[in-house]
C-alpha cells in the first residue's frame, strides 16, 4: 500500500477551492453555525440537520496527550480504507503511513484553528481512490480546537 503525494494546503483556507458539492455545502453549514466566532462548537451541530453528510463525516476528539480519538469514523471512509476507527485513538491506526498523514493534517488544523482542504490519492493492493478532504475545527471555548470534523468526497480510479 502506498500513499502518493499530497497536495499541501494553502496558507489560508479559501472555500472557493472546494470542488465537491457535498464539501462546499458542509463548509457552508459549518460557517453558518460559527457566526462571528473563529469556529463553532460541537454542540452547534445536530446530525439531524446534515443527513446528506452522514456516512461521510468523521468526528475526532483532540486529546491532551497529543493524539486524536475517532469519536465516529464515517462509514463510507471506513469502507474505503478497510478499517473502522470508531472509539479508537489514531495511534492504533494499522497503516503507519496513513496514520502519520492523518496526524499531520489534524495537527495542522489544531495549530492554526482554520479549515484544511487537501487532494489525496489512496492506493492499496485492491483499489485506488482519488479524494478531496475537508477538515473543520470545532471549539468549546471559541479559541482552541478540541474536536475536528473531517469529510471526504472520493471516487475510485478506473483504468481503461
Protein backbone atom coordinates (compact mmCIF):
# COMPACT_ATOMS: atom_id res chain seq x y z
CA UNK A 1 0.00 0.00 0.00
CA UNK A 2 1.31 3.46 -0.80
CA UNK A 3 0.16 6.98 -0.14
CA UNK A 4 1.23 9.07 -3.15
CA UNK A 5 1.88 12.78 -2.95
CA UNK A 6 -0.46 15.02 -1.07
CA UNK A 7 -1.32 18.48 -2.31
CA UNK A 8 -0.17 20.72 0.51
CA UNK A 9 -2.74 23.17 1.80
CA UNK A 10 -2.59 26.84 1.02
CA UNK A 11 -1.51 29.04 3.96
CA UNK A 12 -5.04 30.49 4.10
CA UNK A 13 -8.12 28.39 3.53
CA UNK A 14 -10.25 29.53 0.58
CA UNK A 15 -13.70 27.89 0.41
CA UNK A 16 -13.78 28.65 -3.32
CA UNK A 17 -11.17 25.90 -3.80
CA UNK A 18 -13.65 23.21 -2.70
CA UNK A 19 -14.67 21.21 -5.78
CA UNK A 20 -17.10 18.70 -4.32
CA UNK A 21 -20.66 19.95 -3.86
CA UNK A 22 -21.04 17.92 -0.66
CA UNK A 23 -17.94 19.53 0.87
CA UNK A 24 -18.97 23.04 -0.21
CA UNK A 25 -22.37 22.50 1.39
CA UNK A 26 -20.79 21.12 4.58
CA UNK A 27 -18.40 24.07 4.80
CA UNK A 28 -21.33 26.49 4.37
CA UNK A 29 -23.21 24.70 7.16
CA UNK A 30 -20.14 24.91 9.44
CA UNK A 31 -19.60 28.56 8.52
CA UNK A 32 -23.22 29.41 9.29
CA UNK A 33 -23.00 27.72 12.69
CA UNK A 34 -19.92 29.67 13.75
CA UNK A 35 -21.42 33.11 13.31
CA UNK A 36 -18.81 35.69 14.33
CA UNK A 37 -16.67 33.12 16.15
CA UNK A 38 -13.48 31.69 14.69
CA UNK A 39 -15.08 28.24 14.86
CA UNK A 40 -18.31 26.71 16.11
CA UNK A 41 -18.59 24.20 18.96
CA UNK A 42 -19.64 20.57 18.64
CA UNK A 43 -22.89 21.45 20.46
CA UNK A 44 -23.82 23.69 17.49
CA UNK A 45 -24.37 20.62 15.31
CA UNK A 46 -27.15 18.08 15.25
CA UNK A 47 -26.76 15.12 12.87
CA UNK A 48 -30.46 15.52 12.01
CA UNK A 49 -29.54 18.80 10.29
CA UNK A 50 -26.99 17.19 7.97
CA UNK A 51 -28.46 13.89 6.76
CA UNK A 52 -26.70 14.39 3.41
CA UNK A 53 -23.32 14.18 5.22
CA UNK A 54 -23.96 11.14 7.37
CA UNK A 55 -21.61 8.37 6.34
CA UNK A 56 -19.08 10.93 5.11
CA UNK A 57 -18.18 12.77 8.35
CA UNK A 58 -15.64 11.64 10.92
CA UNK A 59 -15.54 13.30 14.32
CA UNK A 60 -12.12 13.46 16.01
CA UNK A 61 -11.60 14.45 19.62
CA UNK A 62 -8.33 16.29 20.33
CA UNK A 63 -6.70 14.51 23.29
CA UNK A 64 -4.45 16.24 25.83
CA UNK A 65 -1.69 13.70 25.10
CA UNK A 66 -1.44 14.95 21.50
CA UNK A 67 -3.33 12.04 19.97
CA UNK A 68 -6.78 12.08 18.40
CA UNK A 69 -9.74 9.85 19.24
CA UNK A 70 -12.10 8.81 16.46
CA UNK A 71 -15.41 9.52 18.20
CA UNK A 72 -17.19 8.47 14.99
CA UNK A 73 -15.48 7.20 11.85
CA UNK A 74 -17.52 7.85 8.71
CA UNK A 75 -18.94 4.59 7.44
CA UNK A 76 -18.04 5.40 3.82
CA UNK A 77 -14.48 6.32 4.79
CA UNK A 78 -14.15 3.17 6.90
CA UNK A 79 -15.31 1.07 3.95
CA UNK A 80 -12.90 2.81 1.58
CA UNK A 81 -9.87 2.32 3.84
CA UNK A 82 -10.96 -1.08 5.17
CA UNK A 83 -10.81 -0.10 8.85
CA UNK A 84 -13.38 1.40 11.21
CA UNK A 85 -11.65 3.51 13.84
CA UNK A 86 -14.77 4.48 15.80
CA UNK A 87 -13.89 4.71 19.50
CA UNK A 88 -10.17 4.19 18.89
CA UNK A 89 -7.20 6.57 19.08
CA UNK A 90 -5.30 7.49 15.95
CA UNK A 91 -2.23 5.80 17.48
CA UNK A 92 -3.95 2.46 16.76
CA UNK A 93 -4.41 3.12 13.04
CA UNK A 94 -2.92 0.00 11.45
CA UNK A 95 -1.13 1.59 8.46
CA UNK A 96 1.72 3.78 9.67
CA UNK A 97 1.97 5.96 6.52
CA UNK A 98 -1.77 6.69 6.57
CA UNK A 99 -1.71 7.27 10.34
CA UNK A 100 1.06 9.86 10.02
CA UNK A 101 -0.63 11.59 7.07
CA UNK A 102 -3.83 11.89 9.13
CA UNK A 103 -1.88 13.08 12.18
CA UNK A 104 -0.13 15.85 10.19
CA UNK A 105 -3.42 17.12 8.77
CA UNK A 106 -5.32 17.05 12.07
CA UNK A 107 -2.40 18.69 13.91
CA UNK A 108 -2.28 21.46 11.30
CA UNK A 109 -5.94 22.27 11.91
CA UNK A 110 -5.46 22.24 15.70
CA UNK A 111 -2.41 24.51 15.44
CA UNK A 112 -3.97 27.01 13.01
CA UNK A 113 -7.62 26.84 14.06
CA UNK A 114 -8.53 27.02 10.36
CA UNK A 115 -10.18 24.60 7.94
CA UNK A 116 -7.90 22.50 5.77
CA UNK A 117 -8.61 21.21 2.27
CA UNK A 118 -6.44 18.58 0.59
CA UNK A 119 -6.38 16.44 -2.54
CA UNK A 120 -5.17 12.92 -1.88
CA UNK A 121 -4.69 9.56 -3.55
CA UNK A 122 -5.04 6.28 -1.74
CA UNK A 123 -3.84 3.08 -3.32
CA UNK A 124 -3.89 -0.41 -1.87
CA UNK A 125 -3.41 -3.81 -3.46
CA UNK A 126 -7.15 -3.84 -4.19
CA UNK A 127 -8.20 -0.29 -5.00
CA UNK A 128 -7.13 3.21 -5.96
CA UNK A 129 -9.08 6.28 -4.88
CA UNK A 130 -8.70 9.98 -5.50
CA UNK A 131 -10.38 12.18 -2.98
CA UNK A 132 -10.86 15.67 -1.70
CA UNK A 133 -10.75 16.07 2.08
CA UNK A 134 -12.03 18.88 4.26
CA UNK A 135 -11.18 19.19 7.96
CA UNK A 136 -13.12 21.72 10.05
CA UNK A 137 -12.20 22.79 13.61
CA UNK A 138 -14.66 22.88 16.50
CA UNK A 139 -14.04 24.62 19.81
CA UNK A 140 -15.90 24.72 23.11
CA UNK A 141 -14.05 27.88 24.20
CA UNK A 142 -14.01 29.58 20.79
CA UNK A 143 -10.22 29.72 20.73
CA UNK A 144 -8.60 26.28 20.73
CA UNK A 145 -9.95 23.39 18.67
CA UNK A 146 -10.99 20.46 20.87
CA UNK A 147 -12.80 18.47 18.17
CA UNK A 148 -12.49 18.23 14.41
CA UNK A 149 -14.85 17.22 11.63
CA UNK A 150 -13.24 15.59 8.63
CA UNK A 151 -15.13 14.68 5.49
CA UNK A 152 -14.16 13.32 2.11
CA UNK A 153 -15.57 13.15 -1.38
CA UNK A 154 -14.00 10.20 -3.17
CA UNK A 155 -14.13 8.40 -6.47
CA UNK A 156 -12.45 5.15 -7.42
CA UNK A 157 -9.82 5.41 -10.12
CA UNK A 158 -10.58 3.19 -13.07
CA UNK A 159 -8.09 2.11 -15.66
CA UNK A 160 -9.18 1.73 -19.27
